Amino acid sequence: MEETESRVEVYVTTDTTQAPHKAGESKLYVMYDAAKPEAGKLYFTEAEWDAFVLGVKDGEFDLDEDGNLPPVPQEQLAQQAGAGPGRSTQPRGAS
């Protein structure tokens, strides 16, 4: 089966009915794959979106030559180890 190309799109909405867990927000950024809309949508608050954009600009999501996320820096792993319940201590790219 041939993999279809992704086409990521983002729009801003004030309608939070599709993301009730973010109902108190004045606006949401909605990201989805327009080539595969059945795959679902991701909803970001303004603060989450700003943090995501800063991470992109900082290279946080850049892939190595094999298409994998680079390993998490040791100091970040140490911070995550003390993060407490509900926080992942998995290295980026790990399943």
C-alpha atoms as a PDB file:
ATOM      1  CA  MET A   1       0.000   0.000   0.000  1.00  0.00           C
ATOM      2  CA  GLU A   2       1.354   3.402  -0.983  1.00  0.00           C
ATOM      3  CA  GLU A   3       1.718   5.997   1.764  1.00  0.00           C
ATOM      4  CA  THR A   4      -0.125   9.186   0.896  1.00  0.00           C
ATOM      5  CA  GLU A   5       1.527  12.513   1.437  1.00  0.00           C
ATOM      6  CA  SER A   6       0.592  14.464   4.527  1.00  0.00           C
ATOM      7  CA  ARG A   7      -0.704  17.998   4.245  1.00  0.00           C
ATOM      8  CA  VAL A   8      -0.754  19.550   7.691  1.00  0.00           C
ATOM      9  CA  GLU A   9      -3.096  22.478   8.103  1.00  0.00           C
ATOM     10  CA  VAL A  10      -3.892  24.692  11.076  1.00  0.00           C
ATOM     11  CA  TYR A  11      -6.822  26.947  11.761  1.00  0.00           C
ATOM     12  CA  VAL A  12      -7.939  29.023  14.743  1.00  0.00           C
ATOM     13  CA  THR A  13     -11.399  28.624  16.253  1.00  0.00           C
ATOM     14  CA  THR A  14     -13.411  29.912  19.189  1.00  0.00           C
ATOM     15  CA  ASP A  15     -15.659  26.816  19.083  1.00  0.00           C
ATOM     16  CA  THR A  16     -14.464  24.454  21.815  1.00  0.00           C
ATOM     17  CA  THR A  17     -17.274  21.876  21.480  1.00  0.00           C
ATOM     18  CA  GLN A  18     -14.927  19.374  19.797  1.00  0.00           C
ATOM     19  CA  ALA A  19     -12.385  19.773  22.615  1.00  0.00           C
ATOM     20  CA  PRO A  20     -14.434  19.947  25.823  1.00  0.00           C
ATOM     21  CA  HIS A  21     -11.282  19.502  27.913  1.00  0.00           C
ATOM     22  CA  LYS A  22     -10.277  22.980  26.696  1.00  0.00           C
ATOM     23  CA  ALA A  23     -13.721  24.587  27.049  1.00  0.00           C
ATOM     24  CA  GLY A  24     -12.467  27.513  29.136  1.00  0.00           C
ATOM     25  CA  GLU A  25     -10.163  28.758  26.394  1.00  0.00           C
ATOM     26  CA  SER A  26     -11.037  31.820  24.302  1.00  0.00           C
ATOM     27  CA  LYS A  27      -9.514  30.317  21.153  1.00  0.00           C
ATOM     28  CA  LEU A  28      -7.900  27.098  20.030  1.00  0.00           C
ATOM     29  CA  TYR A  29      -5.384  26.261  17.328  1.00  0.00           C
ATOM     30  CA  VAL A  30      -6.508  23.138  15.471  1.00  0.00           C
ATOM     31  CA  MET A  31      -3.944  21.038  13.581  1.00  0.00           C
ATOM     32  CA  TYR A  32      -4.908  18.217  11.251  1.00  0.00           C
ATOM     33  CA  ASP A  33      -3.753  16.323   8.169  1.00  0.00           C
ATOM     34  CA  ALA A  34      -5.905  17.585   5.295  1.00  0.00           C
ATOM     35  CA  ALA A  35      -4.831  14.574   3.207  1.00  0.00           C
ATOM     36  CA  LYS A  36      -6.205  12.249   5.931  1.00  0.00           C
ATOM     37  CA  PRO A  37      -8.893  14.197   7.816  1.00  0.00           C
ATOM     38  CA  GLU A  38     -10.250  10.980   9.330  1.00  0.00           C
ATOM     39  CA  ALA A  39      -7.008  10.729  11.338  1.00  0.00           C
ATOM     40  CA  GLY A  40      -8.332  13.282  13.824  1.00  0.00           C
ATOM     41  CA  LYS A  41      -7.343  16.716  15.025  1.00  0.00           C
ATOM     42  CA  LEU A  42      -5.026  18.132  17.659  1.00  0.00           C
ATOM     43  CA  TYR A  43      -6.263  21.059  19.737  1.00  0.00           C
ATOM     44  CA  PHE A  44      -3.806  23.553  21.232  1.00  0.00           C
ATOM     45  CA  THR A  45      -4.424  26.447  23.589  1.00  0.00           C
ATOM     46  CA  GLU A  46      -2.680  29.696  22.702  1.00  0.00           C
ATOM     47  CA  ALA A  47       0.057  29.003  25.288  1.00  0.00           C
ATOM     48  CA  GLU A  48       0.527  25.440  23.992  1.00  0.00           C
ATOM     49  CA  TRP A  49       0.696  26.675  20.401  1.00  0.00           C
ATOM     50  CA  ASP A  50       3.258  29.354  21.293  1.00  0.00           C
ATOM     51  CA  ALA A  51       5.415  26.722  23.051  1.00  0.00           C
ATOM     52  CA  PHE A  52       5.104  24.382  20.049  1.00  0.00           C
ATOM     53  CA  VAL A  53       6.142  27.126  17.604  1.00  0.00           C
ATOM     54  CA  LEU A  54       9.142  28.036  19.795  1.00  0.00           C
ATOM     55  CA  GLY A  55      10.134  24.340  19.864  1.00  0.00           C
ATOM     56  CA  VAL A  56       9.945  24.147  16.065  1.00  0.00           C
ATOM     57  CA  LYS A  57      12.078  27.283  15.717  1.00  0.00           C
ATOM     58  CA  ASP A  58      14.561  25.853  18.231  1.00  0.00           C
ATOM     59  CA  GLY A  59      14.901  22.601  16.244  1.00  0.00           C
ATOM     60  CA  GLU A  60      13.259  20.457  18.923  1.00  0.00           C
ATOM     61  CA  PHE A  61      11.437  18.382  16.296  1.00  0.00           C
ATOM     62  CA  ASP A  62      14.217  18.120  13.704  1.00  0.00           C
ATOM     63  CA  LEU A  63      14.933  14.571  12.555  1.00  0.00           C
ATOM     64  CA  ASP A  64      18.343  12.981  12.101  1.00  0.00           C
ATOM     65  CA  GLU A  65      19.550  11.520   8.793  1.00  0.00           C
ATOM     66  CA  ASP A  66      17.613   8.295   9.511  1.00  0.00           C
ATOM     67  CA  GLY A  67      14.343  10.132  10.129  1.00  0.00           C
ATOM     68  CA  ASN A  68      14.440   9.733  13.931  1.00  0.00           C
ATOM     69  CA  LEU A  69      14.224  12.350  16.644  1.00  0.00           C
ATOM     70  CA  PRO A  70      17.634  12.909  18.247  1.00  0.00           C
ATOM     71  CA  PRO A  71      18.151  11.654  21.807  1.00  0.00           C
ATOM     72  CA  VAL A  72      16.939  13.810  24.672  1.00  0.00           C
ATOM     73  CA  PRO A  73      19.793  15.741  26.339  1.00  0.00           C
ATOM     74  CA  GLN A  74      20.889  14.254  29.693  1.00  0.00           C
ATOM     75  CA  GLU A  75      19.890  17.359  31.685  1.00  0.00           C
ATOM     76  CA  GLN A  76      16.361  17.141  30.262  1.00  0.00           C
ATOM     77  CA  LEU A  77      16.160  13.435  31.158  1.00  0.00           C
ATOM     78  CA  ALA A  78      17.156  14.335  34.715  1.00  0.00           C
ATOM     79  CA  GLN A  79      14.418  16.985  34.868  1.00  0.00           C
ATOM     80  CA  GLN A  80      11.836  14.515  33.523  1.00  0.00           C
ATOM     81  CA  ALA A  81      12.877  11.902  36.099  1.00  0.00           C
ATOM     82  CA  GLY A  82      11.767  14.271  38.823  1.00  0.00           C
ATOM     83  CA  ALA A  83       8.614  15.326  36.988  1.00  0.00           C
ATOM     84  CA  GLY A  84       6.237  13.205  39.056  1.00  0.00           C
ATOM     85  CA  PRO A  85       3.093  11.300  38.010  1.00  0.00           C
ATOM     86  CA  GLY A  86       1.567  11.904  34.620  1.00  0.00           C
ATOM     87  CA  ARG A  87       4.792  13.050  32.997  1.00  0.00           C
ATOM     88  CA  SER A  88       6.590  10.846  30.518  1.00  0.00           C
ATOM     89  CA  THR A  89      10.205   9.971  31.095  1.00  0.00           C
ATOM     90  CA  GLN A  90      10.452   8.279  27.710  1.00  0.00           C
ATOM     91  CA  PRO A  91      13.096   9.704  25.389  1.00  0.00           C
ATOM     92  CA  ARG A  92      11.710  11.627  22.439  1.00  0.00           C
ATOM     93  CA  GLY A  93      10.811   9.312  19.597  1.00  0.00           C
ATOM     94  CA  ALA A  94      10.444   6.290  21.887  1.00  0.00           C
ATOM     95  CA  SER A  95       7.206   4.334  21.804  1.00  0.00           C
END
